[in-house]
C-alpha atoms as a PDB file:
ATOM      1  CA  MET A   1       3.828   0.385 -18.484  1.00  0.00           C
ATOM      2  CA  ILE A   2       3.733   1.102 -14.744  1.00  0.00           C
ATOM      3  CA  ARG A   3       6.862   2.578 -13.226  1.00  0.00           C
ATOM      4  CA  ALA A   4       8.284   0.942 -10.118  1.00  0.00           C
ATOM      5  CA  SER A   5       7.511   4.021  -7.976  1.00  0.00           C
ATOM      6  CA  SER A   6       3.910   4.064  -9.202  1.00  0.00           C
ATOM      7  CA  LEU A   7       3.550   0.358  -8.513  1.00  0.00           C
ATOM      8  CA  ALA A   8       4.928   0.809  -4.995  1.00  0.00           C
ATOM      9  CA  ALA A   9       2.414   3.602  -4.355  1.00  0.00           C
ATOM     10  CA  ILE A  10      -0.448   1.459  -5.654  1.00  0.00           C
ATOM     11  CA  LEU A  11       0.587  -1.474  -3.476  1.00  0.00           C
ATOM     12  CA  PHE A  12       0.987   0.768  -0.432  1.00  0.00           C
ATOM     13  CA  LEU A  13      -2.359   2.466  -0.922  1.00  0.00           C
ATOM     14  CA  GLY A  14      -4.041  -0.828  -1.659  1.00  0.00           C
ATOM     15  CA  ALA A  15      -2.698  -2.393   1.520  1.00  0.00           C
ATOM     16  CA  SER A  16      -3.406   0.481   3.912  1.00  0.00           C
ATOM     17  CA  PRO A  17      -7.114  -0.082   4.592  1.00  0.00           C
ATOM     18  CA  THR A  18      -6.574  -3.694   5.614  1.00  0.00           C
ATOM     19  CA  MET A  19      -3.862  -2.949   8.132  1.00  0.00           C
ATOM     20  CA  ALA A  20      -5.114  -3.072  11.716  1.00  0.00           C
ATOM     21  CA  PHE A  21      -1.897  -2.546  13.621  1.00  0.00           C
ATOM     22  CA  ASP A  22      -0.445   0.826  14.446  1.00  0.00           C
ATOM     23  CA  ALA A  23       2.805   1.281  12.499  1.00  0.00           C
ATOM     24  CA  ALA A  24       4.362   3.292  15.341  1.00  0.00           C
ATOM     25  CA  ASP A  25       3.487   0.497  17.796  1.00  0.00           C
ATOM     26  CA  LEU A  26       5.091  -2.106  15.545  1.00  0.00           C
ATOM     27  CA  ALA A  27       8.247  -0.002  15.155  1.00  0.00           C
ATOM     28  CA  ARG A  28       8.458   0.484  18.931  1.00  0.00           C
ATOM     29  CA  PHE A  29       7.959  -3.245  19.533  1.00  0.00           C
ATOM     30  CA  GLN A  30      10.626  -4.143  16.946  1.00  0.00           C
ATOM     31  CA  SER A  31      13.189  -1.683  18.281  1.00  0.00           C
ATOM     32  CA  SER A  32      12.756  -2.279  22.001  1.00  0.00           C
ATOM     33  CA  GLY A  33      11.203  -5.746  22.213  1.00  0.00           C
ATOM     34  CA  SER A  34       8.627  -4.275  24.559  1.00  0.00           C
ATOM     35  CA  CYS A  35       5.643  -2.101  23.926  1.00  0.00           C
ATOM     36  CA  PRO A  36       3.022  -2.042  26.669  1.00  0.00           C
ATOM     37  CA  GLY A  37      -0.422  -1.568  25.127  1.00  0.00           C
ATOM     38  CA  CYS A  38       0.813  -1.902  21.541  1.00  0.00           C
ATOM     39  CA  ASP A  39      -1.735  -3.071  18.973  1.00  0.00           C
ATOM     40  CA  LEU A  40      -0.122  -5.883  16.971  1.00  0.00           C
ATOM     41  CA  SER A  41      -3.333  -7.022  15.268  1.00  0.00           C
ATOM     42  CA  LYS A  42      -2.711  -8.767  11.940  1.00  0.00           C
ATOM     43  CA  VAL A  43       1.094  -8.562  12.397  1.00  0.00           C
ATOM     44  CA  ASP A  44       3.122 -11.570  11.243  1.00  0.00           C
ATOM     45  CA  LEU A  45       5.641 -12.346  13.981  1.00  0.00           C
ATOM     46  CA  THR A  46       6.281 -15.861  12.661  1.00  0.00           C
ATOM     47  CA  TYR A  47      10.012 -15.304  12.209  1.00  0.00           C
ATOM     48  CA  SER A  48      10.566 -13.317  15.401  1.00  0.00           C
ATOM     49  CA  TYR A  49      13.411 -14.798  17.424  1.00  0.00           C
ATOM     50  CA  GLY A  50      13.472 -14.700  21.219  1.00  0.00           C
ATOM     51  CA  LEU A  51       9.928 -13.395  21.608  1.00  0.00           C
ATOM     52  CA  THR A  52       8.635 -14.128  25.102  1.00  0.00           C
ATOM     53  CA  GLN A  53       5.176 -14.597  26.551  1.00  0.00           C
ATOM     54  CA  GLU A  54       5.924 -11.750  28.955  1.00  0.00           C
ATOM     55  CA  GLN A  55       6.491  -9.353  26.025  1.00  0.00           C
ATOM     56  CA  LEU A  56       3.287 -10.482  24.338  1.00  0.00           C
ATOM     57  CA  ASN A  57       1.288 -10.123  27.562  1.00  0.00           C
ATOM     58  CA  ARG A  58       2.016  -6.372  27.538  1.00  0.00           C
ATOM     59  CA  ALA A  59       0.797  -5.929  23.939  1.00  0.00           C
ATOM     60  CA  CYS A  60      -2.420  -7.011  22.225  1.00  0.00           C
ATOM     61  CA  GLY A  61      -3.385  -8.606  18.920  1.00  0.00           C
ATOM     62  CA  ASP A  62      -6.162 -10.528  17.225  1.00  0.00           C
ATOM     63  CA  ALA A  63      -6.839 -13.926  15.673  1.00  0.00           C
ATOM     64  CA  LEU A  64      -4.811 -12.885  12.606  1.00  0.00           C
ATOM     65  CA  THR A  65      -1.665 -12.044  14.596  1.00  0.00           C
ATOM     66  CA  LYS A  66       0.849 -14.756  13.683  1.00  0.00           C
ATOM     67  CA  LEU A  67       3.166 -15.907  16.454  1.00  0.00           C
ATOM     68  CA  PRO A  68       6.431 -17.879  16.140  1.00  0.00           C
ATOM     69  CA  GLU A  69       5.461 -20.670  18.542  1.00  0.00           C
ATOM     70  CA  PRO A  70       2.101 -22.419  19.008  1.00  0.00           C
ATOM     71  CA  THR A  71       2.538 -22.161  22.785  1.00  0.00           C
ATOM     72  CA  LEU A  72       2.684 -18.336  22.686  1.00  0.00           C
ATOM     73  CA  THR A  73      -0.506 -16.303  22.970  1.00  0.00           C
ATOM     74  CA  ILE A  74      -1.344 -12.614  22.775  1.00  0.00           C
ATOM     75  CA  PRO A  75      -4.202 -10.867  24.585  1.00  0.00           C
ATOM     76  CA  THR A  76      -7.044  -9.683  22.347  1.00  0.00           C
ATOM     77  CA  CYS A  77      -7.145  -5.934  21.680  1.00  0.00           C
ATOM     78  CA  PRO A  78     -10.245  -4.074  22.781  1.00  0.00           C
ATOM     79  CA  PRO A  79     -12.524  -2.928  19.936  1.00  0.00           C
ATOM     80  CA  ARG A  80     -11.424   0.310  18.293  1.00  0.00           C
ATOM     81  CA  ARG A  81     -13.705   3.299  18.415  1.00  0.00           C
ATOM     82  CA  PRO A  82     -14.761   4.661  15.017  1.00  0.00           C
ATOM     83  CA  GLN A  83     -12.919   7.852  14.159  1.00  0.00           C
END
């Protein structure tokens, strides 16, 4: 039987490689509503309330970034350099 803490670690580790956004960027965007240059690629903002086009214009995302309104868009992030 897998303990809850072990399962959480497995889920976290399993999800990490597929995440494209920067967790610090997302936290900054959530707390301030603004984050110039933030990478929000693959972030689900579907249930974000009050999100404006102006805020999104200062961040970037990708085709998998989910926005709350079909009229909102987000600029595409430049390709990341391999580390």
